[in-house]
N, C-alpha and C. Protein backbone atom coordinates (compact mmCIF):
# COMPACT_ATOMS: atom_id res chain seq x y z
N MET A 1 9.89 0.65 38.74
CA MET A 1 9.95 -0.65 39.36
C MET A 1 11.37 -0.90 39.88
N ALA A 2 11.44 -1.31 41.11
CA ALA A 2 12.75 -1.60 41.72
C ALA A 2 13.10 -3.07 41.48
N TYR A 3 14.29 -3.29 41.01
CA TYR A 3 14.76 -4.65 40.80
C TYR A 3 15.39 -5.19 42.08
N PRO A 4 15.34 -6.50 42.27
CA PRO A 4 15.96 -7.06 43.47
C PRO A 4 17.48 -6.87 43.45
N THR A 5 18.04 -6.78 44.63
CA THR A 5 19.48 -6.66 44.79
C THR A 5 20.00 -7.97 45.37
N TYR A 6 20.93 -8.59 44.68
CA TYR A 6 21.49 -9.85 45.13
C TYR A 6 22.87 -9.62 45.74
N LEU A 7 23.11 -10.24 46.88
CA LEU A 7 24.35 -10.07 47.62
C LEU A 7 25.11 -11.39 47.69
N ASP A 8 26.44 -11.32 47.63
CA ASP A 8 27.23 -12.51 47.86
C ASP A 8 27.46 -12.63 49.37
N LEU A 9 28.22 -13.61 49.79
CA LEU A 9 28.41 -13.86 51.22
C LEU A 9 29.00 -12.65 51.95
N MET A 10 30.02 -12.05 51.38
CA MET A 10 30.68 -10.93 52.07
C MET A 10 29.80 -9.68 52.07
N GLN A 11 29.04 -9.47 51.02
CA GLN A 11 28.11 -8.33 50.99
C GLN A 11 26.99 -8.54 52.01
N ALA A 12 26.52 -9.78 52.14
CA ALA A 12 25.48 -10.10 53.13
C ALA A 12 26.02 -9.87 54.54
N ARG A 13 27.26 -10.27 54.77
CA ARG A 13 27.90 -10.06 56.07
C ARG A 13 28.02 -8.57 56.37
N ALA A 14 28.38 -7.77 55.37
CA ALA A 14 28.50 -6.32 55.55
C ALA A 14 27.14 -5.69 55.86
N LEU A 15 26.10 -6.14 55.18
CA LEU A 15 24.76 -5.62 55.44
C LEU A 15 24.33 -5.94 56.87
N LEU A 16 24.58 -7.17 57.30
CA LEU A 16 24.23 -7.54 58.67
C LEU A 16 25.02 -6.71 59.68
N LYS A 17 26.27 -6.42 59.36
CA LYS A 17 27.08 -5.60 60.26
C LYS A 17 26.46 -4.21 60.41
N LYS A 18 25.93 -3.65 59.32
CA LYS A 18 25.26 -2.35 59.38
C LYS A 18 24.01 -2.42 60.27
N MET A 19 23.42 -3.62 60.35
CA MET A 19 22.23 -3.83 61.17
C MET A 19 22.62 -4.21 62.61
N ASN A 20 23.91 -4.11 62.94
CA ASN A 20 24.45 -4.47 64.25
C ASN A 20 24.35 -5.95 64.55
N VAL A 21 24.44 -6.77 63.53
CA VAL A 21 24.51 -8.22 63.67
C VAL A 21 25.91 -8.61 63.18
N ALA A 22 26.81 -8.72 64.13
CA ALA A 22 28.22 -8.97 63.78
C ALA A 22 28.45 -10.48 63.65
N LEU A 23 28.70 -10.93 62.43
CA LEU A 23 29.04 -12.32 62.17
C LEU A 23 30.45 -12.38 61.60
N ASN A 24 31.19 -13.41 62.02
CA ASN A 24 32.49 -13.57 61.40
C ASN A 24 32.33 -14.36 60.10
N GLU A 25 33.40 -14.49 59.36
CA GLU A 25 33.33 -15.15 58.05
C GLU A 25 32.83 -16.59 58.16
N ARG A 26 33.26 -17.28 59.17
CA ARG A 26 32.85 -18.68 59.36
C ARG A 26 31.34 -18.77 59.64
N GLN A 27 30.81 -17.87 60.44
CA GLN A 27 29.39 -17.89 60.77
C GLN A 27 28.51 -17.66 59.55
N ILE A 28 28.88 -16.72 58.70
CA ILE A 28 28.06 -16.45 57.52
C ILE A 28 28.14 -17.63 56.55
N LYS A 29 29.31 -18.26 56.47
CA LYS A 29 29.43 -19.44 55.60
C LYS A 29 28.59 -20.60 56.13
N ARG A 30 28.53 -20.78 57.45
CA ARG A 30 27.71 -21.84 58.03
C ARG A 30 26.23 -21.59 57.78
N ALA A 31 25.81 -20.34 57.79
CA ALA A 31 24.41 -20.01 57.52
C ALA A 31 24.04 -20.32 56.08
N ALA A 32 25.03 -20.33 55.20
CA ALA A 32 24.78 -20.59 53.79
C ALA A 32 24.94 -22.05 53.41
N GLU A 33 25.55 -22.86 54.30
CA GLU A 33 25.75 -24.28 54.00
C GLU A 33 24.44 -25.05 54.13
N MET A 34 24.33 -26.10 53.34
CA MET A 34 23.16 -26.96 53.43
C MET A 34 23.33 -27.94 54.59
N ASP A 35 22.23 -28.22 55.27
CA ASP A 35 22.27 -29.22 56.33
C ASP A 35 22.03 -30.60 55.72
N ALA A 36 21.86 -31.62 56.54
CA ALA A 36 21.67 -32.98 56.06
C ALA A 36 20.41 -33.14 55.22
N LYS A 37 19.42 -32.27 55.44
CA LYS A 37 18.16 -32.33 54.70
C LYS A 37 18.21 -31.49 53.43
N GLY A 38 19.35 -30.84 53.16
CA GLY A 38 19.48 -30.03 51.96
C GLY A 38 18.92 -28.63 52.08
N LYS A 39 18.71 -28.18 53.33
CA LYS A 39 18.17 -26.83 53.55
C LYS A 39 19.24 -25.93 54.14
N ARG A 40 19.14 -24.64 53.84
CA ARG A 40 20.06 -23.66 54.37
C ARG A 40 19.37 -22.87 55.49
N LYS A 41 20.16 -22.33 56.42
CA LYS A 41 19.59 -21.52 57.50
C LYS A 41 19.03 -20.21 56.96
N LEU A 42 19.66 -19.68 55.93
CA LEU A 42 19.18 -18.47 55.26
C LEU A 42 18.98 -18.80 53.79
N PRO A 43 18.11 -18.06 53.09
CA PRO A 43 17.77 -18.41 51.71
C PRO A 43 18.84 -18.05 50.66
N PHE A 44 20.04 -18.58 50.84
CA PHE A 44 21.09 -18.42 49.83
C PHE A 44 20.81 -19.38 48.69
N PHE A 45 21.25 -19.03 47.50
CA PHE A 45 21.13 -19.91 46.34
C PHE A 45 22.38 -19.76 45.50
N VAL A 46 22.62 -20.73 44.63
CA VAL A 46 23.79 -20.68 43.76
C VAL A 46 23.42 -19.90 42.50
N ASP A 47 24.16 -18.83 42.25
CA ASP A 47 23.95 -18.01 41.06
C ASP A 47 24.27 -18.85 39.82
N PRO A 48 23.34 -18.97 38.89
CA PRO A 48 23.58 -19.82 37.72
C PRO A 48 24.65 -19.27 36.78
N ILE A 49 24.95 -17.99 36.87
CA ILE A 49 25.94 -17.39 35.97
C ILE A 49 27.36 -17.54 36.49
N ASP A 50 27.57 -17.13 37.75
CA ASP A 50 28.94 -17.20 38.26
C ASP A 50 29.19 -18.32 39.27
N GLY A 51 28.15 -19.06 39.64
CA GLY A 51 28.31 -20.22 40.51
C GLY A 51 28.56 -19.90 41.98
N ARG A 52 28.43 -18.63 42.35
CA ARG A 52 28.65 -18.25 43.75
C ARG A 52 27.32 -18.17 44.49
N LEU A 53 27.40 -18.32 45.81
CA LEU A 53 26.19 -18.21 46.62
C LEU A 53 25.74 -16.76 46.67
N LYS A 54 24.43 -16.57 46.55
CA LYS A 54 23.82 -15.23 46.59
C LYS A 54 22.57 -15.30 47.45
N ILE A 55 22.15 -14.13 47.91
CA ILE A 55 20.90 -13.99 48.65
C ILE A 55 20.29 -12.65 48.26
N GLU A 56 18.99 -12.60 48.18
CA GLU A 56 18.32 -11.34 47.86
C GLU A 56 18.31 -10.48 49.12
N LYS A 57 18.66 -9.23 48.98
CA LYS A 57 18.84 -8.32 50.11
C LYS A 57 17.61 -8.27 51.00
N ASN A 58 16.43 -8.08 50.43
CA ASN A 58 15.22 -7.97 51.24
C ASN A 58 14.88 -9.28 51.94
N SER A 59 15.21 -10.41 51.36
CA SER A 59 14.98 -11.70 52.01
C SER A 59 15.82 -11.82 53.28
N LEU A 60 17.05 -11.36 53.21
CA LEU A 60 17.94 -11.40 54.37
C LEU A 60 17.41 -10.49 55.48
N VAL A 61 17.06 -9.28 55.13
CA VAL A 61 16.53 -8.33 56.12
C VAL A 61 15.22 -8.86 56.70
N ASN A 62 14.34 -9.38 55.87
CA ASN A 62 13.06 -9.91 56.34
C ASN A 62 13.23 -11.10 57.27
N ALA A 63 14.21 -11.95 57.01
CA ALA A 63 14.46 -13.11 57.87
C ALA A 63 14.82 -12.65 59.29
N TYR A 64 15.69 -11.65 59.40
CA TYR A 64 16.06 -11.14 60.71
C TYR A 64 14.92 -10.39 61.36
N ARG A 65 14.17 -9.65 60.58
CA ARG A 65 13.03 -8.90 61.14
C ARG A 65 11.97 -9.86 61.68
N LYS A 66 11.71 -10.93 60.94
CA LYS A 66 10.72 -11.93 61.38
C LYS A 66 11.13 -12.55 62.72
N LEU A 67 12.40 -12.90 62.84
CA LEU A 67 12.88 -13.49 64.09
C LEU A 67 12.83 -12.49 65.24
N GLN A 68 13.07 -11.21 64.94
CA GLN A 68 12.99 -10.18 65.97
C GLN A 68 11.56 -10.05 66.47
N ILE A 69 10.61 -10.06 65.56
CA ILE A 69 9.19 -9.96 65.94
C ILE A 69 8.78 -11.15 66.80
N GLU A 70 9.20 -12.36 66.40
CA GLU A 70 8.89 -13.55 67.19
C GLU A 70 9.47 -13.46 68.59
N ALA A 71 10.70 -12.95 68.71
CA ALA A 71 11.34 -12.81 70.02
C ALA A 71 10.59 -11.80 70.89
N GLU A 72 10.15 -10.70 70.27
CA GLU A 72 9.39 -9.69 71.02
C GLU A 72 8.06 -10.25 71.51
N LYS A 73 7.39 -11.03 70.67
CA LYS A 73 6.12 -11.64 71.07
C LYS A 73 6.33 -12.62 72.21
N ALA A 74 7.42 -13.39 72.17
CA ALA A 74 7.70 -14.37 73.21
C ALA A 74 7.93 -13.67 74.55
N CYS A 75 8.55 -12.50 74.55
CA CYS A 75 8.78 -11.74 75.78
C CYS A 75 7.50 -11.18 76.35
N LYS A 76 6.60 -10.76 75.48
CA LYS A 76 5.34 -10.18 75.91
C LYS A 76 4.41 -11.23 76.51
N ASN A 77 4.55 -12.48 76.07
CA ASN A 77 3.66 -13.55 76.53
C ASN A 77 4.11 -14.16 77.85
N ARG A 78 5.14 -13.65 78.44
CA ARG A 78 5.62 -14.21 79.72
C ARG A 78 4.77 -13.78 80.86
């Protein structure tokens, strides 16, 4: 059984860079900030042990993959 891998902000940024999604430090922090409704752009959460923001690796990859699929469908429907 594979256990989930949790990434902090900088690890998430590094993973996205490997996927050719170049974000600067400010951009990744904005994606993790809560908006006025208390929601984040990406599914980051506060780690109860160390109090830092974390995201599950597969959730991050799936979020980008889902948006890529939606973009491809939108192009095909033109």
